[in-house]
């Protein structure tokens, strides 16, 4: 991933982002063309601390034929993104751009055993069911044994040994406070992704918005 120094994230921040997102596009090369599938995943760690990205695919997914070798796959994990108009800057002579969050994990992928797949299914569903609390979490135990085994036969578990971690969070970190706050305020009036980017910008440089807070407090009755 091309990452200018201003936007580069360290390994820990990149892994934290990937784990929190839990959804990305897995890509591999079949010798002629790239093959990719969007899928959920979770991160775990080997005994030596190496990150592992666990996921599964349908048995007929072409990615499956490429697993088990030494070739490196790529898992692209993206967050919100938003277009920035030059008209929003305080400074003149700006150009259009996009702000975004993106992390790339890479490494070889191996097949999981049936027992490992069973654990993965439960771990993966538990991760995302917890997002829905206080709803009582769904578990595979709610399914009849025969139905669960039939569905398990339709998928294959895989795990990536994560050797490469790259993160780029482009949030206009290189801009002046005046331009930075102007963009964040404009994005705050946009769609859901734009609002998320604006929130991230405010979190990253809260001091730049101190005047906004003071003005609001000064105008209060």
Protein backbone atom coordinates (compact mmCIF):
# COMPACT_ATOMS: atom_id res chain seq x y z
CA UNK A 1 0.00 0.00 0.00
CA UNK A 2 1.31 3.46 -0.87
CA UNK A 3 1.29 5.36 2.41
CA UNK A 4 2.68 8.90 2.81
CA UNK A 5 4.39 9.35 6.20
CA UNK A 6 1.66 11.69 7.50
CA UNK A 7 -0.95 8.92 7.21
CA UNK A 8 1.05 5.84 8.19
CA UNK A 9 -0.25 3.85 11.17
CA UNK A 10 1.87 1.69 13.42
CA UNK A 11 1.41 -2.08 13.63
CA UNK A 12 -0.62 -2.08 16.85
CA UNK A 13 -3.06 0.58 15.64
CA UNK A 14 -3.47 -1.18 12.30
CA UNK A 15 -4.20 -4.56 13.90
CA UNK A 16 -6.64 -2.97 16.35
CA UNK A 17 -8.51 -1.34 13.47
CA UNK A 18 -8.66 -4.60 11.50
CA UNK A 19 -9.94 -6.55 14.50
CA UNK A 20 -12.61 -3.95 15.28
CA UNK A 21 -13.82 -3.89 11.67
CA UNK A 22 -13.88 -7.67 11.26
CA UNK A 23 -14.79 -7.50 7.57
CA UNK A 24 -12.61 -7.11 4.50
CA UNK A 25 -11.78 -8.30 0.99
CA UNK A 26 -9.49 -11.32 0.72
CA UNK A 27 -7.38 -11.33 -2.43
CA UNK A 28 -5.08 -13.92 -4.02
CA UNK A 29 -3.45 -14.45 -7.43
CA UNK A 30 -4.18 -17.59 -9.44
CA UNK A 31 -1.27 -17.16 -11.87
CA UNK A 32 -3.36 -15.28 -14.43
CA UNK A 33 -5.62 -12.90 -12.55
CA UNK A 34 -6.49 -11.74 -9.05
CA UNK A 35 -9.27 -13.55 -7.19
CA UNK A 36 -11.11 -11.81 -4.36
CA UNK A 37 -14.02 -12.29 -1.96
CA UNK A 38 -15.52 -10.00 0.71
CA UNK A 39 -15.79 -11.86 4.02
CA UNK A 40 -15.89 -11.58 7.82
CA UNK A 41 -12.89 -12.61 9.92
CA UNK A 42 -11.42 -12.37 13.37
CA UNK A 43 -7.86 -12.02 14.62
CA UNK A 44 -6.19 -14.38 17.02
CA UNK A 45 -2.53 -14.88 17.91
CA UNK A 46 -0.12 -17.79 17.76
CA UNK A 47 2.00 -18.75 20.78
CA UNK A 48 4.86 -16.61 19.47
CA UNK A 49 2.59 -13.56 19.07
CA UNK A 50 2.12 -13.83 15.29
CA UNK A 51 -1.30 -12.48 14.27
CA UNK A 52 -3.65 -14.95 12.58
CA UNK A 53 -6.70 -13.94 10.53
CA UNK A 54 -9.33 -16.69 10.68
CA UNK A 55 -12.14 -16.92 8.12
CA UNK A 56 -14.04 -19.37 5.95
CA UNK A 57 -15.30 -19.54 2.37
CA UNK A 58 -17.86 -21.55 0.44
CA UNK A 59 -16.49 -24.88 -0.77
CA UNK A 60 -16.84 -23.76 -4.40
CA UNK A 61 -15.07 -20.42 -3.88
CA UNK A 62 -12.10 -20.22 -6.32
CA UNK A 63 -9.93 -18.88 -3.49
CA UNK A 64 -9.96 -22.33 -1.95
CA UNK A 65 -7.85 -23.83 -4.76
CA UNK A 66 -5.08 -21.35 -3.95
CA UNK A 67 -4.78 -22.09 -0.22
CA UNK A 68 -2.06 -24.17 1.36
CA UNK A 69 0.95 -22.82 -0.50
CA UNK A 70 3.66 -20.29 0.24
CA UNK A 71 2.11 -17.49 -1.82
CA UNK A 72 1.04 -14.42 0.13
CA UNK A 73 -2.60 -13.36 0.14
CA UNK A 74 -3.90 -9.87 0.89
CA UNK A 75 -6.74 -8.95 3.25
CA UNK A 76 -7.88 -5.36 2.61
CA UNK A 77 -9.86 -3.87 5.49
CA UNK A 78 -11.49 -0.50 4.88
CA UNK A 79 -13.27 1.95 7.12
CA UNK A 80 -15.35 5.02 6.25
CA UNK A 81 -14.33 7.26 3.35
CA UNK A 82 -15.44 10.69 2.17
CA UNK A 83 -14.87 13.08 -0.72
CA UNK A 84 -13.42 16.50 0.09
CA UNK A 85 -14.26 19.51 -2.10
CA UNK A 86 -11.55 22.18 -2.58
CA UNK A 87 -14.25 24.77 -1.89
CA UNK A 88 -14.29 23.75 1.77
CA UNK A 89 -10.70 24.79 2.52
CA UNK A 90 -9.75 28.14 3.99
CA UNK A 91 -6.52 28.14 1.97
CA UNK A 92 -6.68 28.80 -1.79
CA UNK A 93 -5.47 26.53 -4.62
CA UNK A 94 -6.50 23.23 -3.10
CA UNK A 95 -7.51 20.14 -5.07
CA UNK A 96 -10.21 17.47 -4.59
CA UNK A 97 -9.25 14.48 -2.46
CA UNK A 98 -10.64 11.55 -0.48
CA UNK A 99 -10.18 10.83 3.21
CA UNK A 100 -10.28 7.23 4.40
CA UNK A 101 -9.04 4.47 6.71
CA UNK A 102 -7.47 1.33 5.26
CA UNK A 103 -5.38 -1.57 6.57
CA UNK A 104 -3.77 -4.34 4.53
CA UNK A 105 -2.81 -7.66 6.11
CA UNK A 106 -0.80 -10.15 4.08
CA UNK A 107 0.63 -13.64 4.44
CA UNK A 108 0.18 -17.30 3.45
CA UNK A 109 -3.08 -19.12 4.07
CA UNK A 110 -3.63 -22.70 5.21
CA UNK A 111 -6.68 -24.94 5.54
CA UNK A 112 -8.27 -25.64 8.90
CA UNK A 113 -9.32 -29.05 10.20
CA UNK A 114 -12.99 -29.82 10.90
CA UNK A 115 -12.44 -29.30 14.62
CA UNK A 116 -10.73 -25.96 13.99
CA UNK A 117 -13.60 -24.93 11.70
CA UNK A 118 -16.16 -25.70 14.40
CA UNK A 119 -14.30 -23.48 16.86
CA UNK A 120 -13.95 -20.76 14.23
CA UNK A 121 -17.69 -20.70 13.49
CA UNK A 122 -18.51 -20.25 17.17
CA UNK A 123 -15.79 -17.64 17.71
CA UNK A 124 -16.81 -15.64 14.64
CA UNK A 125 -20.52 -15.62 15.45
CA UNK A 126 -19.78 -14.75 19.09
CA UNK A 127 -17.70 -11.75 17.98
CA UNK A 128 -20.48 -10.23 15.91
CA UNK A 129 -23.39 -11.28 18.11
CA UNK A 130 -21.74 -9.26 20.87
CA UNK A 131 -22.23 -6.19 18.69
CA UNK A 132 -25.98 -6.68 19.13
CA UNK A 133 -26.10 -6.80 22.94
CA UNK A 134 -28.33 -6.72 24.94
CA UNK A 135 -29.92 -9.13 22.46
CA UNK A 136 -29.37 -12.68 23.66
CA UNK A 137 -26.53 -13.97 21.43
CA UNK A 138 -27.22 -16.57 18.78
CA UNK A 139 -25.06 -19.72 19.07
CA UNK A 140 -24.64 -22.73 16.83
CA UNK A 141 -26.16 -24.75 19.67
CA UNK A 142 -29.55 -23.37 18.64
CA UNK A 143 -29.38 -25.42 15.42
CA UNK A 144 -30.26 -29.09 15.09
CA UNK A 145 -27.10 -31.20 14.86
CA UNK A 146 -27.94 -32.55 11.42
CA UNK A 147 -28.60 -29.12 9.93
CA UNK A 148 -25.40 -27.68 11.40
CA UNK A 149 -23.27 -30.54 10.05
CA UNK A 150 -24.83 -30.20 6.59
CA UNK A 151 -24.06 -26.48 6.47
CA UNK A 152 -20.52 -27.01 7.77
CA UNK A 153 -19.86 -29.31 4.81
CA UNK A 154 -20.60 -26.40 2.47
CA UNK A 155 -17.75 -24.25 3.84
CA UNK A 156 -14.03 -24.60 4.43
CA UNK A 157 -12.10 -22.91 7.24
CA UNK A 158 -8.91 -21.01 6.50
CA UNK A 159 -6.38 -18.99 8.44
CA UNK A 160 -3.86 -16.41 7.29
CA UNK A 161 -0.51 -16.15 9.06
CA UNK A 162 -0.17 -12.37 9.05
CA UNK A 163 3.36 -11.47 8.01
CA UNK A 164 2.71 -7.97 6.68
CA UNK A 165 0.72 -5.18 8.34
CA UNK A 166 0.19 -1.82 6.62
CA UNK A 167 -2.13 0.94 7.73
CA UNK A 168 -3.07 4.27 6.18
CA UNK A 169 -5.51 6.67 7.86
CA UNK A 170 -5.77 9.71 5.61
CA UNK A 171 -7.47 12.37 7.73
CA UNK A 172 -5.78 15.55 6.43
CA UNK A 173 -3.18 15.36 9.21
CA UNK A 174 -0.79 17.49 7.14
CA UNK A 175 -3.16 20.45 6.88
CA UNK A 176 -3.23 23.60 9.05
CA UNK A 177 -5.68 23.82 11.93
CA UNK A 178 -7.81 26.27 9.94
CA UNK A 179 -8.11 23.94 6.95
CA UNK A 180 -8.41 20.87 9.13
CA UNK A 181 -11.37 22.22 11.13
CA UNK A 182 -13.04 23.62 8.01
CA UNK A 183 -12.98 20.19 6.35
CA UNK A 184 -14.17 18.38 9.48
CA UNK A 185 -17.06 20.83 9.92
CA UNK A 186 -18.09 20.44 6.28
CA UNK A 187 -17.95 16.65 6.47
CA UNK A 188 -19.99 16.76 9.66
CA UNK A 189 -22.95 17.89 7.56
CA UNK A 190 -22.55 15.04 5.07
CA UNK A 191 -23.64 11.40 4.87
CA UNK A 192 -22.92 8.68 7.42
CA UNK A 193 -19.38 8.00 6.18
CA UNK A 194 -18.55 11.71 6.04
CA UNK A 195 -19.84 12.15 9.60
CA UNK A 196 -17.62 9.27 10.76
CA UNK A 197 -14.56 10.83 9.12
CA UNK A 198 -15.40 14.17 10.77
CA UNK A 199 -15.66 12.42 14.15
CA UNK A 200 -12.29 10.74 13.65
CA UNK A 201 -10.71 14.09 12.74
CA UNK A 202 -12.06 15.68 15.89
CA UNK A 203 -10.73 12.80 17.98
CA UNK A 204 -7.30 13.01 16.35
CA UNK A 205 -6.82 16.76 16.83
CA UNK A 206 -9.24 17.99 19.54
CA UNK A 207 -7.21 21.09 20.28
CA UNK A 208 -7.92 22.42 16.79
CA UNK A 209 -11.61 22.63 17.68
CA UNK A 210 -11.15 24.42 21.00
CA UNK A 211 -12.30 27.73 19.50
CA UNK A 212 -15.49 26.09 18.23
CA UNK A 213 -16.23 24.87 21.77
CA UNK A 214 -15.45 28.24 23.29
CA UNK A 215 -17.70 30.03 20.80
CA UNK A 216 -20.58 27.66 21.59
CA UNK A 217 -20.10 28.14 25.32
CA UNK A 218 -19.90 31.91 24.89
CA UNK A 219 -23.16 31.99 22.97
CA UNK A 220 -25.06 29.96 25.56
CA UNK A 221 -27.74 31.94 27.50
